[in-house]
Amino acid sequence: MENHKEFTVQNHYLVEIEQTRGVVSSDNFKTWSWDIYIARNEQEQYRGRALAPGKGIEIPWMELSKEDVLEEMISICEQQMPKNR
C-alpha cells in the first residue's frame, strides 16, 4: 500500500506582473517577478507553488483545480501582492 503521492515538476515559469491596483502616482508602477512551479502526478492531479524573490513572499504547494493551471497560479500571485494606497 502506497502512503505517498509523487508529483513531477513539469514547468517552471518566470512571470512578471505589474502592480497597478490602487496606485496613486503614475511613477509607482512596479513589476514583480514570480517563479511559478507546476507539478503533476500520474492521475493528472496538479500542484503549484510560487516565490517572489526579494519580496519575501512564498506560496506553498497547493492543489490546483482549474483548466488553466498557470492562469490559476498567476491569479493567486496577484492576490498576494500588496496594493499601493
N, C-alpha and C. Protein backbone atom coordinates (compact mmCIF):
# COMPACT_ATOMS: atom_id res chain seq x y z
N MET A 1 0.84 -1.18 0.00
CA MET A 1 0.00 0.00 0.00
C MET A 1 0.88 1.25 0.00
N GLU A 2 0.60 2.14 -0.93
CA GLU A 2 1.37 3.38 -1.02
C GLU A 2 0.78 4.43 -0.09
N ASN A 3 1.64 5.06 0.65
CA ASN A 3 1.17 6.11 1.54
C ASN A 3 1.73 7.48 1.13
N HIS A 4 2.06 7.61 -0.14
CA HIS A 4 2.55 8.89 -0.62
C HIS A 4 2.09 9.14 -2.05
N LYS A 5 2.10 10.40 -2.43
CA LYS A 5 1.81 10.80 -3.80
C LYS A 5 3.08 11.41 -4.36
N GLU A 6 3.36 11.08 -5.59
CA GLU A 6 4.57 11.59 -6.22
C GLU A 6 4.20 12.50 -7.38
N PHE A 7 4.71 13.72 -7.35
CA PHE A 7 4.46 14.70 -8.40
C PHE A 7 5.78 15.04 -9.07
N THR A 8 5.73 15.29 -10.35
CA THR A 8 6.89 15.71 -11.11
C THR A 8 6.69 17.15 -11.56
N VAL A 9 7.69 17.98 -11.29
CA VAL A 9 7.59 19.37 -11.75
C VAL A 9 7.66 19.35 -13.27
N GLN A 10 6.59 19.83 -13.89
CA GLN A 10 6.52 19.86 -15.35
C GLN A 10 7.04 21.16 -15.92
N ASN A 11 6.72 22.26 -15.24
CA ASN A 11 7.08 23.57 -15.77
C ASN A 11 7.56 24.49 -14.66
N HIS A 12 8.49 25.34 -15.02
CA HIS A 12 8.96 26.41 -14.15
C HIS A 12 8.86 27.67 -15.00
N TYR A 13 8.05 28.62 -14.55
CA TYR A 13 7.82 29.84 -15.30
C TYR A 13 8.39 31.03 -14.56
N LEU A 14 8.86 32.01 -15.30
CA LEU A 14 9.13 33.33 -14.77
C LEU A 14 8.00 34.20 -15.28
N VAL A 15 7.19 34.72 -14.35
CA VAL A 15 6.05 35.55 -14.72
C VAL A 15 6.25 36.92 -14.12
N GLU A 16 6.17 37.97 -14.93
CA GLU A 16 6.29 39.33 -14.45
C GLU A 16 4.90 39.95 -14.41
N ILE A 17 4.53 40.46 -13.23
CA ILE A 17 3.20 41.03 -13.02
C ILE A 17 3.36 42.47 -12.56
N GLU A 18 2.68 43.38 -13.25
CA GLU A 18 2.72 44.79 -12.85
C GLU A 18 1.78 45.02 -11.69
N GLN A 19 2.28 45.71 -10.69
CA GLN A 19 1.48 46.07 -9.53
C GLN A 19 0.82 47.41 -9.85
N THR A 20 -0.45 47.37 -10.20
CA THR A 20 -1.12 48.59 -10.65
C THR A 20 -2.35 48.95 -9.84
N ARG A 21 -2.95 48.03 -9.14
CA ARG A 21 -4.20 48.31 -8.42
C ARG A 21 -3.99 49.33 -7.33
N GLY A 22 -4.82 50.33 -7.31
CA GLY A 22 -4.79 51.32 -6.24
C GLY A 22 -3.60 52.25 -6.27
N VAL A 23 -2.83 52.25 -7.35
CA VAL A 23 -1.64 53.09 -7.43
C VAL A 23 -2.07 54.55 -7.61
N VAL A 24 -1.50 55.43 -6.79
CA VAL A 24 -1.89 56.83 -6.83
C VAL A 24 -1.08 57.60 -7.86
N SER A 25 0.23 57.51 -7.81
CA SER A 25 1.05 58.26 -8.78
C SER A 25 1.50 57.34 -9.90
N SER A 26 1.63 57.93 -11.09
CA SER A 26 1.93 57.13 -12.27
C SER A 26 3.33 56.52 -12.24
N ASP A 27 4.25 57.10 -11.44
CA ASP A 27 5.61 56.55 -11.40
C ASP A 27 5.74 55.44 -10.35
N ASN A 28 4.63 55.03 -9.79
CA ASN A 28 4.64 53.99 -8.76
C ASN A 28 4.43 52.58 -9.31
N PHE A 29 4.36 52.43 -10.61
CA PHE A 29 4.16 51.10 -11.19
C PHE A 29 5.40 50.26 -10.91
N LYS A 30 5.17 49.10 -10.36
CA LYS A 30 6.27 48.19 -10.06
C LYS A 30 5.98 46.84 -10.71
N THR A 31 7.02 46.22 -11.21
CA THR A 31 6.88 44.89 -11.79
C THR A 31 7.47 43.89 -10.81
N TRP A 32 6.65 42.90 -10.47
CA TRP A 32 7.10 41.82 -9.61
C TRP A 32 7.45 40.62 -10.48
N SER A 33 8.55 39.97 -10.16
CA SER A 33 8.93 38.73 -10.83
C SER A 33 8.55 37.56 -9.92
N TRP A 34 7.87 36.60 -10.49
CA TRP A 34 7.43 35.41 -9.75
C TRP A 34 8.02 34.16 -10.41
N ASP A 35 8.58 33.28 -9.58
CA ASP A 35 8.94 31.94 -10.03
C ASP A 35 7.75 31.05 -9.72
N ILE A 36 7.14 30.51 -10.75
CA ILE A 36 5.96 29.65 -10.57
C ILE A 36 6.30 28.24 -11.02
N TYR A 37 6.00 27.28 -10.16
CA TYR A 37 6.26 25.87 -10.45
C TYR A 37 4.93 25.13 -10.55
N ILE A 38 4.80 24.31 -11.57
CA ILE A 38 3.62 23.48 -11.76
C ILE A 38 4.07 22.02 -11.79
N ALA A 39 3.46 21.19 -10.94
CA ALA A 39 3.80 19.76 -10.88
C ALA A 39 2.54 18.93 -11.14
N ARG A 40 2.75 17.72 -11.63
CA ARG A 40 1.63 16.83 -11.97
C ARG A 40 2.00 15.41 -11.59
N ASN A 41 0.96 14.62 -11.21
CA ASN A 41 1.21 13.20 -10.95
C ASN A 41 0.56 12.35 -12.05
N GLU A 42 0.67 11.05 -11.91
CA GLU A 42 0.13 10.13 -12.93
C GLU A 42 -1.39 10.18 -13.04
N GLN A 43 -2.06 10.63 -12.00
CA GLN A 43 -3.52 10.73 -12.01
C GLN A 43 -4.00 12.08 -12.54
N GLU A 44 -3.08 12.84 -13.16
CA GLU A 44 -3.41 14.15 -13.72
C GLU A 44 -3.85 15.16 -12.66
N GLN A 45 -3.35 15.01 -11.44
CA GLN A 45 -3.60 15.99 -10.39
C GLN A 45 -2.46 17.01 -10.44
N TYR A 46 -2.81 18.27 -10.24
CA TYR A 46 -1.82 19.34 -10.35
C TYR A 46 -1.61 20.04 -9.01
N ARG A 47 -0.37 20.46 -8.79
CA ARG A 47 0.01 21.26 -7.63
C ARG A 47 0.83 22.44 -8.15
N GLY A 48 0.76 23.55 -7.44
CA GLY A 48 1.54 24.72 -7.83
C GLY A 48 2.13 25.40 -6.62
N ARG A 49 3.23 26.10 -6.83
CA ARG A 49 3.84 26.91 -5.79
C ARG A 49 4.50 28.10 -6.47
N ALA A 50 4.71 29.16 -5.71
CA ALA A 50 5.31 30.36 -6.30
C ALA A 50 6.18 31.07 -5.27
N LEU A 51 7.20 31.74 -5.79
CA LEU A 51 8.11 32.53 -4.97
C LEU A 51 8.29 33.89 -5.63
N ALA A 52 8.33 34.93 -4.81
CA ALA A 52 8.63 36.28 -5.30
C ALA A 52 9.99 36.67 -4.71
N PRO A 53 11.08 36.36 -5.42
CA PRO A 53 12.41 36.64 -4.89
C PRO A 53 12.58 38.12 -4.53
N GLY A 54 13.15 38.37 -3.36
CA GLY A 54 13.38 39.73 -2.91
C GLY A 54 12.18 40.39 -2.28
N LYS A 55 11.02 39.75 -2.35
CA LYS A 55 9.80 40.32 -1.77
C LYS A 55 9.38 39.60 -0.50
N GLY A 56 9.98 38.45 -0.24
CA GLY A 56 9.66 37.71 0.98
C GLY A 56 8.32 37.01 0.96
N ILE A 57 7.80 36.75 -0.23
CA ILE A 57 6.51 36.07 -0.32
C ILE A 57 6.72 34.70 -0.96
N GLU A 58 6.19 33.68 -0.30
CA GLU A 58 6.24 32.31 -0.81
C GLU A 58 4.85 31.71 -0.70
N ILE A 59 4.37 31.18 -1.80
CA ILE A 59 3.09 30.47 -1.81
C ILE A 59 3.44 28.99 -1.82
N PRO A 60 3.10 28.27 -0.74
CA PRO A 60 3.48 26.86 -0.66
C PRO A 60 2.71 26.00 -1.67
N TRP A 61 3.16 24.78 -1.84
CA TRP A 61 2.50 23.85 -2.75
C TRP A 61 1.01 23.78 -2.41
N MET A 62 0.18 23.89 -3.43
CA MET A 62 -1.26 23.83 -3.23
C MET A 62 -1.90 23.12 -4.41
N GLU A 63 -3.05 22.53 -4.16
CA GLU A 63 -3.78 21.81 -5.19
C GLU A 63 -4.38 22.81 -6.17
N LEU A 64 -4.26 22.51 -7.45
CA LEU A 64 -4.83 23.35 -8.50
C LEU A 64 -5.98 22.61 -9.15
N SER A 65 -7.06 23.33 -9.45
CA SER A 65 -8.25 22.64 -9.94
C SER A 65 -8.82 23.22 -11.23
N LYS A 66 -8.33 24.37 -11.67
CA LYS A 66 -8.90 24.99 -12.86
C LYS A 66 -8.29 24.39 -14.12
N GLU A 67 -8.93 24.65 -15.24
CA GLU A 67 -8.47 24.15 -16.54
C GLU A 67 -7.08 24.69 -16.88
N ASP A 68 -6.88 25.98 -16.68
CA ASP A 68 -5.59 26.62 -16.97
C ASP A 68 -4.86 26.83 -15.65
N VAL A 69 -3.98 25.89 -15.31
CA VAL A 69 -3.32 25.92 -14.00
C VAL A 69 -2.35 27.08 -13.87
N LEU A 70 -1.71 27.49 -14.96
CA LEU A 70 -0.81 28.65 -14.89
C LEU A 70 -1.61 29.91 -14.59
N GLU A 71 -2.72 30.10 -15.26
CA GLU A 71 -3.56 31.27 -15.01
C GLU A 71 -4.08 31.26 -13.57
N GLU A 72 -4.39 30.08 -13.04
CA GLU A 72 -4.82 29.97 -11.66
C GLU A 72 -3.72 30.43 -10.71
N MET A 73 -2.48 30.03 -10.97
CA MET A 73 -1.36 30.43 -10.12
C MET A 73 -1.08 31.93 -10.25
N ILE A 74 -1.19 32.49 -11.44
CA ILE A 74 -0.97 33.92 -11.63
C ILE A 74 -1.99 34.71 -10.81
N SER A 75 -3.23 34.27 -10.82
CA SER A 75 -4.28 34.93 -10.05
C SER A 75 -3.97 34.88 -8.55
N ILE A 76 -3.48 33.75 -8.08
CA ILE A 76 -3.13 33.60 -6.66
C ILE A 76 -1.96 34.54 -6.32
N CYS A 77 -0.99 34.66 -7.22
CA CYS A 77 0.14 35.57 -7.00
C CYS A 77 -0.35 37.01 -6.92
N GLU A 78 -1.21 37.40 -7.82
CA GLU A 78 -1.74 38.77 -7.82
C GLU A 78 -2.43 39.09 -6.51
N GLN A 79 -3.13 38.13 -5.95
CA GLN A 79 -3.82 38.34 -4.67
C GLN A 79 -2.84 38.56 -3.52
N GLN A 80 -1.62 38.06 -3.65
CA GLN A 80 -0.60 38.21 -2.60
C GLN A 80 0.16 39.52 -2.68
N MET A 81 0.03 40.22 -3.80
CA MET A 81 0.76 41.47 -3.98
C MET A 81 0.05 42.60 -3.24
N PRO A 82 0.77 43.32 -2.38
CA PRO A 82 0.12 44.42 -1.65
C PRO A 82 -0.33 45.51 -2.63
N LYS A 83 -1.39 46.17 -2.26
CA LYS A 83 -1.91 47.25 -3.08
C LYS A 83 -1.39 48.57 -2.54
N ASN A 84 -0.84 49.39 -3.42
CA ASN A 84 -0.39 50.72 -3.01
C ASN A 84 -1.60 51.61 -2.77
N ARG A 85 -1.55 52.41 -1.77
CA ARG A 85 -2.64 53.35 -1.48
C ARG A 85 -2.14 54.76 -1.61
